[in-house]
Amino acid sequence: MEESQDEEEVKAKKEAEAEKKLGAEAYKKRDFEVAATHFSKAWDVWPKDITFLTNLGGTENYSAILSAGLTAYFRSCLF
């Protein structure tokens, strides 16, 4: 029974790491929505690595900053 749980945990960690890698690749391409999806999935699969959440937070912060910058730029173009 314990061996089965260990195998499941190893499998979950491996799947979460794969999602984290996909998230990092999307982040580098500035595709923050896709990156956030992968980091969130990684946390859902294996909620023992806080870096999944910090990476997720980074995508949300970067998106908010980018959005605010674009809004300010477009407002300045109108006046």
PDB file of N, CA and C in Angstrom:
ATOM      1  N   MET A   1       0.823  -1.195   0.000  1.00  0.00           N
ATOM      2  CA  MET A   1       0.000   0.000   0.000  1.00  0.00           C
ATOM      3  C   MET A   1       0.867   1.260   0.000  1.00  0.00           C
ATOM      4  N   GLU A   2       1.866   1.320   0.884  1.00  0.00           N
ATOM      5  CA  GLU A   2       2.743   2.482   0.965  1.00  0.00           C
ATOM      6  C   GLU A   2       3.523   2.668  -0.330  1.00  0.00           C
ATOM      7  N   GLU A   3       3.949   1.585  -0.940  1.00  0.00           N
ATOM      8  CA  GLU A   3       4.686   1.654  -2.197  1.00  0.00           C
ATOM      9  C   GLU A   3       3.823   2.266  -3.294  1.00  0.00           C
ATOM     10  N   SER A   4       2.554   1.908  -3.302  1.00  0.00           N
ATOM     11  CA  SER A   4       1.615   2.450  -4.283  1.00  0.00           C
ATOM     12  C   SER A   4       1.466   3.958  -4.104  1.00  0.00           C
ATOM     13  N   GLN A   5       1.396   4.425  -2.858  1.00  0.00           N
ATOM     14  CA  GLN A   5       1.289   5.857  -2.587  1.00  0.00           C
ATOM     15  C   GLN A   5       2.552   6.582  -3.041  1.00  0.00           C
ATOM     16  N   ASP A   6       3.708   5.984  -2.804  1.00  0.00           N
ATOM     17  CA  ASP A   6       4.967   6.577  -3.236  1.00  0.00           C
ATOM     18  C   ASP A   6       5.007   6.708  -4.753  1.00  0.00           C
ATOM     19  N   GLU A   7       4.557   5.683  -5.434  1.00  0.00           N
ATOM     20  CA  GLU A   7       4.543   5.715  -6.893  1.00  0.00           C
ATOM     21  C   GLU A   7       3.599   6.804  -7.402  1.00  0.00           C
ATOM     22  N   GLU A   8       2.445   6.939  -6.752  1.00  0.00           N
ATOM     23  CA  GLU A   8       1.492   7.970  -7.139  1.00  0.00           C
ATOM     24  C   GLU A   8       2.073   9.361  -6.918  1.00  0.00           C
ATOM     25  N   GLU A   9       2.787   9.524  -5.808  1.00  0.00           N
ATOM     26  CA  GLU A   9       3.393  10.822  -5.519  1.00  0.00           C
ATOM     27  C   GLU A   9       4.485  11.155  -6.528  1.00  0.00           C
ATOM     28  N   VAL A  10       5.292  10.188  -6.877  1.00  0.00           N
ATOM     29  CA  VAL A  10       6.341  10.404  -7.873  1.00  0.00           C
ATOM     30  C   VAL A  10       5.714  10.772  -9.216  1.00  0.00           C
ATOM     31  N   LYS A  11       4.656  10.082  -9.574  1.00  0.00           N
ATOM     32  CA  LYS A  11       3.962  10.363 -10.832  1.00  0.00           C
ATOM     33  C   LYS A  11       3.374  11.771 -10.818  1.00  0.00           C
ATOM     34  N   ALA A  12       2.744  12.160  -9.710  1.00  0.00           N
ATOM     35  CA  ALA A  12       2.147  13.486  -9.595  1.00  0.00           C
ATOM     36  C   ALA A  12       3.217  14.572  -9.672  1.00  0.00           C
ATOM     37  N   LYS A  13       4.336  14.352  -8.989  1.00  0.00           N
ATOM     38  CA  LYS A  13       5.418  15.341  -9.014  1.00  0.00           C
ATOM     39  C   LYS A  13       5.974  15.488 -10.425  1.00  0.00           C
ATOM     40  N   LYS A  14       6.132  14.382 -11.119  1.00  0.00           N
ATOM     41  CA  LYS A  14       6.653  14.416 -12.484  1.00  0.00           C
ATOM     42  C   LYS A  14       5.688  15.174 -13.411  1.00  0.00           C
ATOM     43  N   GLU A  15       4.403  14.915 -13.255  1.00  0.00           N
ATOM     44  CA  GLU A  15       3.396  15.613 -14.068  1.00  0.00           C
ATOM     45  C   GLU A  15       3.400  17.116 -13.754  1.00  0.00           C
ATOM     46  N   ALA A  16       3.512  17.456 -12.477  1.00  0.00           N
ATOM     47  CA  ALA A  16       3.542  18.863 -12.072  1.00  0.00           C
ATOM     48  C   ALA A  16       4.775  19.566 -12.620  1.00  0.00           C
ATOM     49  N   GLU A  17       5.915  18.907 -12.588  1.00  0.00           N
ATOM     50  CA  GLU A  17       7.139  19.495 -13.133  1.00  0.00           C
ATOM     51  C   GLU A  17       7.018  19.718 -14.645  1.00  0.00           C
ATOM     52  N   ALA A  18       6.351  18.806 -15.331  1.00  0.00           N
ATOM     53  CA  ALA A  18       6.129  18.975 -16.769  1.00  0.00           C
ATOM     54  C   ALA A  18       5.244  20.195 -17.028  1.00  0.00           C
ATOM     55  N   GLU A  19       4.212  20.373 -16.209  1.00  0.00           N
ATOM     56  CA  GLU A  19       3.338  21.543 -16.349  1.00  0.00           C
ATOM     57  C   GLU A  19       4.113  22.828 -16.057  1.00  0.00           C
ATOM     58  N   LYS A  20       4.970  22.785 -15.046  1.00  0.00           N
ATOM     59  CA  LYS A  20       5.792  23.948 -14.704  1.00  0.00           C
ATOM     60  C   LYS A  20       6.697  24.324 -15.875  1.00  0.00           C
ATOM     61  N   LYS A  21       7.276  23.330 -16.513  1.00  0.00           N
ATOM     62  CA  LYS A  21       8.149  23.586 -17.662  1.00  0.00           C
ATOM     63  C   LYS A  21       7.363  24.230 -18.804  1.00  0.00           C
ATOM     64  N   LEU A  22       6.166  23.707 -19.075  1.00  0.00           N
ATOM     65  CA  LEU A  22       5.329  24.299 -20.124  1.00  0.00           C
ATOM     66  C   LEU A  22       4.952  25.738 -19.765  1.00  0.00           C
ATOM     67  N   GLY A  23       4.682  25.968 -18.493  1.00  0.00           N
ATOM     68  CA  GLY A  23       4.369  27.321 -18.035  1.00  0.00           C
ATOM     69  C   GLY A  23       5.536  28.271 -18.223  1.00  0.00           C
ATOM     70  N   ALA A  24       6.731  27.810 -17.916  1.00  0.00           N
ATOM     71  CA  ALA A  24       7.929  28.636 -18.080  1.00  0.00           C
ATOM     72  C   ALA A  24       8.166  28.964 -19.552  1.00  0.00           C
ATOM     73  N   GLU A  25       7.938  28.003 -20.414  1.00  0.00           N
ATOM     74  CA  GLU A  25       8.102  28.244 -21.853  1.00  0.00           C
ATOM     75  C   GLU A  25       7.094  29.280 -22.348  1.00  0.00           C
ATOM     76  N   ALA A  26       5.857  29.173 -21.891  1.00  0.00           N
ATOM     77  CA  ALA A  26       4.828  30.145 -22.286  1.00  0.00           C
ATOM     78  C   ALA A  26       5.161  31.526 -21.727  1.00  0.00           C
ATOM     79  N   TYR A  27       5.675  31.578 -20.518  1.00  0.00           N
ATOM     80  CA  TYR A  27       6.041  32.853 -19.891  1.00  0.00           C
ATOM     81  C   TYR A  27       7.124  33.553 -20.700  1.00  0.00           C
ATOM     82  N   LYS A  28       8.107  32.794 -21.147  1.00  0.00           N
ATOM     83  CA  LYS A  28       9.190  33.368 -21.954  1.00  0.00           C
ATOM     84  C   LYS A  28       8.670  33.958 -23.254  1.00  0.00           C
ATOM     85  N   LYS A  29       7.587  33.397 -23.752  1.00  0.00           N
ATOM     86  CA  LYS A  29       6.962  33.894 -24.987  1.00  0.00           C
ATOM     87  C   LYS A  29       5.960  35.011 -24.685  1.00  0.00           C
ATOM     88  N   ARG A  30       5.850  35.382 -23.412  1.00  0.00           N
ATOM     89  CA  ARG A  30       4.920  36.404 -22.937  1.00  0.00           C
ATOM     90  C   ARG A  30       3.461  36.022 -23.154  1.00  0.00           C
ATOM     91  N   ASP A  31       3.215  34.733 -23.150  1.00  0.00           N
ATOM     92  CA  ASP A  31       1.846  34.230 -23.230  1.00  0.00           C
ATOM     93  C   ASP A  31       1.414  33.911 -21.797  1.00  0.00           C
ATOM     94  N   PHE A  32       1.061  34.966 -21.068  1.00  0.00           N
ATOM     95  CA  PHE A  32       0.841  34.855 -19.632  1.00  0.00           C
ATOM     96  C   PHE A  32      -0.398  34.044 -19.276  1.00  0.00           C
ATOM     97  N   GLU A  33      -1.410  34.086 -20.111  1.00  0.00           N
ATOM     98  CA  GLU A  33      -2.619  33.310 -19.833  1.00  0.00           C
ATOM     99  C   GLU A  33      -2.324  31.808 -19.879  1.00  0.00           C
ATOM    100  N   VAL A  34      -1.592  31.387 -20.889  1.00  0.00           N
ATOM    101  CA  VAL A  34      -1.222  29.979 -21.009  1.00  0.00           C
ATOM    102  C   VAL A  34      -0.281  29.589 -19.871  1.00  0.00           C
ATOM    103  N   ALA A  35       0.678  30.457 -19.566  1.00  0.00           N
ATOM    104  CA  ALA A  35       1.613  30.181 -18.475  1.00  0.00           C
ATOM    105  C   ALA A  35       0.860  30.001 -17.162  1.00  0.00           C
ATOM    106  N   ALA A  36      -0.091  30.893 -16.897  1.00  0.00           N
ATOM    107  CA  ALA A  36      -0.870  30.808 -15.659  1.00  0.00           C
ATOM    108  C   ALA A  36      -1.648  29.495 -15.585  1.00  0.00           C
ATOM    109  N   THR A  37      -2.184  29.062 -16.711  1.00  0.00           N
ATOM    110  CA  THR A  37      -2.921  27.803 -16.751  1.00  0.00           C
ATOM    111  C   THR A  37      -2.022  26.637 -16.367  1.00  0.00           C
ATOM    112  N   HIS A  38      -0.814  26.615 -16.909  1.00  0.00           N
ATOM    113  CA  HIS A  38       0.117  25.513 -16.608  1.00  0.00           C
ATOM    114  C   HIS A  38       0.599  25.545 -15.154  1.00  0.00           C
ATOM    115  N   PHE A  39       0.915  26.739 -14.643  1.00  0.00           N
ATOM    116  CA  PHE A  39       1.362  26.831 -13.248  1.00  0.00           C
ATOM    117  C   PHE A  39       0.246  26.435 -12.293  1.00  0.00           C
ATOM    118  N   SER A  40      -0.979  26.818 -12.620  1.00  0.00           N
ATOM    119  CA  SER A  40      -2.132  26.447 -11.795  1.00  0.00           C
ATOM    120  C   SER A  40      -2.353  24.937 -11.816  1.00  0.00           C
ATOM    121  N   LYS A  41      -2.243  24.346 -12.984  1.00  0.00           N
ATOM    122  CA  LYS A  41      -2.390  22.889 -13.116  1.00  0.00           C
ATOM    123  C   LYS A  41      -1.305  22.172 -12.303  1.00  0.00           C
ATOM    124  N   ALA A  42      -0.075  22.696 -12.356  1.00  0.00           N
ATOM    125  CA  ALA A  42       1.022  22.094 -11.595  1.00  0.00           C
ATOM    126  C   ALA A  42       0.692  22.079 -10.101  1.00  0.00           C
ATOM    127  N   TRP A  43       0.151  23.187  -9.593  1.00  0.00           N
ATOM    128  CA  TRP A  43      -0.213  23.267  -8.180  1.00  0.00           C
ATOM    129  C   TRP A  43      -1.347  22.308  -7.847  1.00  0.00           C
ATOM    130  N   ASP A  44      -2.322  22.213  -8.747  1.00  0.00           N
ATOM    131  CA  ASP A  44      -3.448  21.302  -8.517  1.00  0.00           C
ATOM    132  C   ASP A  44      -2.996  19.846  -8.451  1.00  0.00           C
ATOM    133  N   VAL A  45      -2.037  19.494  -9.286  1.00  0.00           N
ATOM    134  CA  VAL A  45      -1.554  18.116  -9.359  1.00  0.00           C
ATOM    135  C   VAL A  45      -0.665  17.770  -8.164  1.00  0.00           C
ATOM    136  N   TRP A  46       0.199  18.720  -7.766  1.00  0.00           N
ATOM    137  CA  TRP A  46       1.145  18.429  -6.684  1.00  0.00           C
ATOM    138  C   TRP A  46       1.341  19.688  -5.835  1.00  0.00           C
ATOM    139  N   PRO A  47       0.460  19.908  -4.857  1.00  0.00           N
ATOM    140  CA  PRO A  47       0.501  21.147  -4.059  1.00  0.00           C
ATOM    141  C   PRO A  47       1.530  21.132  -2.929  1.00  0.00           C
ATOM    142  N   LYS A  48       2.723  20.690  -3.253  1.00  0.00           N
ATOM    143  CA  LYS A  48       3.783  20.641  -2.244  1.00  0.00           C
ATOM    144  C   LYS A  48       4.973  21.515  -2.619  1.00  0.00           C
ATOM    145  N   ASP A  49       4.905  22.168  -3.773  1.00  0.00           N
ATOM    146  CA  ASP A  49       6.005  23.007  -4.237  1.00  0.00           C
ATOM    147  C   ASP A  49       5.480  24.432  -4.423  1.00  0.00           C
ATOM    148  N   ILE A  50       5.856  25.304  -3.520  1.00  0.00           N
ATOM    149  CA  ILE A  50       5.345  26.670  -3.513  1.00  0.00           C
ATOM    150  C   ILE A  50       5.772  27.457  -4.752  1.00  0.00           C
ATOM    151  N   THR A  51       6.801  27.013  -5.448  1.00  0.00           N
ATOM    152  CA  THR A  51       7.229  27.758  -6.640  1.00  0.00           C
ATOM    153  C   THR A  51       6.144  27.770  -7.715  1.00  0.00           C
ATOM    154  N   PHE A  52       5.267  26.780  -7.710  1.00  0.00           N
ATOM    155  CA  PHE A  52       4.167  26.801  -8.677  1.00  0.00           C
ATOM    156  C   PHE A  52       3.287  28.028  -8.436  1.00  0.00           C
ATOM    157  N   LEU A  53       3.052  28.343  -7.165  1.00  0.00           N
ATOM    158  CA  LEU A  53       2.231  29.506  -6.837  1.00  0.00           C
ATOM    159  C   LEU A  53       2.966  30.815  -7.072  1.00  0.00           C
ATOM    160  N   THR A  54       4.252  30.854  -6.761  1.00  0.00           N
ATOM    161  CA  THR A  54       4.991  32.094  -7.003  1.00  0.00           C
ATOM    162  C   THR A  54       5.096  32.365  -8.500  1.00  0.00           C
ATOM    163  N   ASN A  55       5.255  31.322  -9.291  1.00  0.00           N
ATOM    164  CA  ASN A  55       5.278  31.505 -10.743  1.00  0.00           C
ATOM    165  C   ASN A  55       3.918  31.986 -11.243  1.00  0.00           C
ATOM    166  N   LEU A  56       2.865  31.425 -10.695  1.00  0.00           N
ATOM    167  CA  LEU A  56       1.512  31.845 -11.059  1.00  0.00           C
ATOM    168  C   LEU A  56       1.309  33.317 -10.713  1.00  0.00           C
ATOM    169  N   GLY A  57       1.742  33.711  -9.532  1.00  0.00           N
ATOM    170  CA  GLY A  57       1.638  35.115  -9.129  1.00  0.00           C
ATOM    171  C   GLY A  57       2.420  36.031 -10.050  1.00  0.00           C
ATOM    172  N   GLY A  58       3.567  35.566 -10.518  1.00  0.00           N
ATOM    173  CA  GLY A  58       4.370  36.364 -11.446  1.00  0.00           C
ATOM    174  C   GLY A  58       3.650  36.618 -12.753  1.00  0.00           C
ATOM    175  N   THR A  59       2.929  35.630 -13.235  1.00  0.00           N
ATOM    176  CA  THR A  59       2.202  35.827 -14.493  1.00  0.00           C
ATOM    177  C   THR A  59       1.088  36.840 -14.295  1.00  0.00           C
ATOM    178  N   GLU A  60       0.420  36.776 -13.162  1.00  0.00           N
ATOM    179  CA  GLU A  60      -0.675  37.713 -12.902  1.00  0.00           C
ATOM    180  C   GLU A  60      -0.156  39.125 -12.703  1.00  0.00           C
ATOM    181  N   ASN A  61       0.962  39.281 -11.997  1.00  0.00           N
ATOM    182  CA  ASN A  61       1.541  40.610 -11.798  1.00  0.00           C
ATOM    183  C   ASN A  61       2.012  41.208 -13.117  1.00  0.00           C
ATOM    184  N   TYR A  62       2.690  40.430 -13.914  1.00  0.00           N
ATOM    185  CA  TYR A  62       3.207  40.928 -15.183  1.00  0.00           C
ATOM    186  C   TYR A  62       2.058  41.328 -16.100  1.00  0.00           C
ATOM    187  N   SER A  63       1.015  40.541 -16.135  1.00  0.00           N
ATOM    188  CA  SER A  63      -0.148  40.863 -16.961  1.00  0.00           C
ATOM    189  C   SER A  63      -0.796  42.155 -16.501  1.00  0.00           C
ATOM    190  N   ALA A  64      -0.904  42.355 -15.193  1.00  0.00           N
ATOM    191  CA  ALA A  64      -1.514  43.569 -14.660  1.00  0.00           C
ATOM    192  C   ALA A  64      -0.668  44.791 -14.982  1.00  0.00           C
ATOM    193  N   ILE A  65       0.637  44.679 -14.848  1.00  0.00           N
ATOM    194  CA  ILE A  65       1.538  45.791 -15.148  1.00  0.00           C
ATOM    195  C   ILE A  65       1.473  46.136 -16.635  1.00  0.00           C
ATOM    196  N   LEU A  66       1.504  45.115 -17.463  1.00  0.00           N
ATOM    197  CA  LEU A  66       1.436  45.326 -18.904  1.00  0.00           C
ATOM    198  C   LEU A  66       0.112  45.978 -19.286  1.00  0.00           C
ATOM    199  N   SER A  67      -0.963  45.506 -18.719  1.00  0.00           N
ATOM    200  CA  SER A  67      -2.285  46.061 -18.998  1.00  0.00           C
ATOM    201  C   SER A  67      -2.368  47.528 -18.573  1.00  0.00           C
ATOM    202  N   ALA A  68      -1.856  47.833 -17.401  1.00  0.00           N
ATOM    203  CA  ALA A  68      -1.877  49.214 -16.912  1.00  0.00           C
ATOM    204  C   ALA A  68      -1.032  50.120 -17.806  1.00  0.00           C
ATOM    205  N   GLY A  69       0.108  49.621 -18.242  1.00  0.00           N
ATOM    206  CA  GLY A  69       0.975  50.397 -19.132  1.00  0.00           C
ATOM    207  C   GLY A  69       0.313  50.679 -20.463  1.00  0.00           C
ATOM    208  N   LEU A  70      -0.324  49.681 -21.022  1.00  0.00           N
ATOM    209  CA  LEU A  70      -1.015  49.869 -22.300  1.00  0.00           C
ATOM    210  C   LEU A  70      -2.186  50.829 -22.158  1.00  0.00           C
ATOM    211  N   THR A  71      -2.908  50.725 -21.056  1.00  0.00           N
ATOM    212  CA  THR A  71      -4.028  51.636 -20.817  1.00  0.00           C
ATOM    213  C   THR A  71      -3.535  53.074 -20.740  1.00  0.00           C
ATOM    214  N   ALA A  72      -2.459  53.292 -20.005  1.00  0.00           N
ATOM    215  CA  ALA A  72      -1.899  54.637 -19.887  1.00  0.00           C
ATOM    216  C   ALA A  72      -1.427  55.155 -21.246  1.00  0.00           C
ATOM    217  N   TYR A  73      -0.811  54.304 -22.018  1.00  0.00           N
ATOM    218  CA  TYR A  73      -0.330  54.696 -23.340  1.00  0.00           C
ATOM    219  C   TYR A  73      -1.492  55.124 -24.239  1.00  0.00           C
ATOM    220  N   PHE A  74      -2.533  54.299 -24.287  1.00  0.00           N
ATOM    221  CA  PHE A  74      -3.669  54.620 -25.150  1.00  0.00           C
ATOM    222  C   PHE A  74      -4.399  55.875 -24.685  1.00  0.00           C
ATOM    223  N   ARG A  75      -4.470  56.086 -23.401  1.00  0.00           N
ATOM    224  CA  ARG A  75      -5.075  57.319 -22.896  1.00  0.00           C
ATOM    225  C   ARG A  75      -4.277  58.538 -23.327  1.00  0.00           C
ATOM    226  N   SER A  76      -2.961  58.404 -23.312  1.00  0.00           N
ATOM    227  CA  SER A  76      -2.118  59.540 -23.701  1.00  0.00           C
ATOM    228  C   SER A  76      -2.258  59.839 -25.195  1.00  0.00           C
ATOM    229  N   CYS A  77      -2.588  58.840 -25.976  1.00  0.00           N
ATOM    230  CA  CYS A  77      -2.774  59.033 -27.418  1.00  0.00           C
ATOM    231  C   CYS A  77      -4.075  59.780 -27.722  1.00  0.00           C
ATOM    232  N   LEU A  78      -5.031  59.699 -26.815  1.00  0.00           N
ATOM    233  CA  LEU A  78      -6.327  60.323 -27.047  1.00  0.00           C
ATOM    234  C   LEU A  78      -6.307  61.822 -26.769  1.00  0.00           C
ATOM    235  N   PHE A  79      -5.343  62.276 -26.011  1.00  0.00           N
ATOM    236  CA  PHE A  79      -5.332  63.698 -25.635  1.00  0.00           C
ATOM    237  C   PHE A  79      -4.177  64.420 -26.221  1.00  0.00           C
TER     238      PHE A  79
END
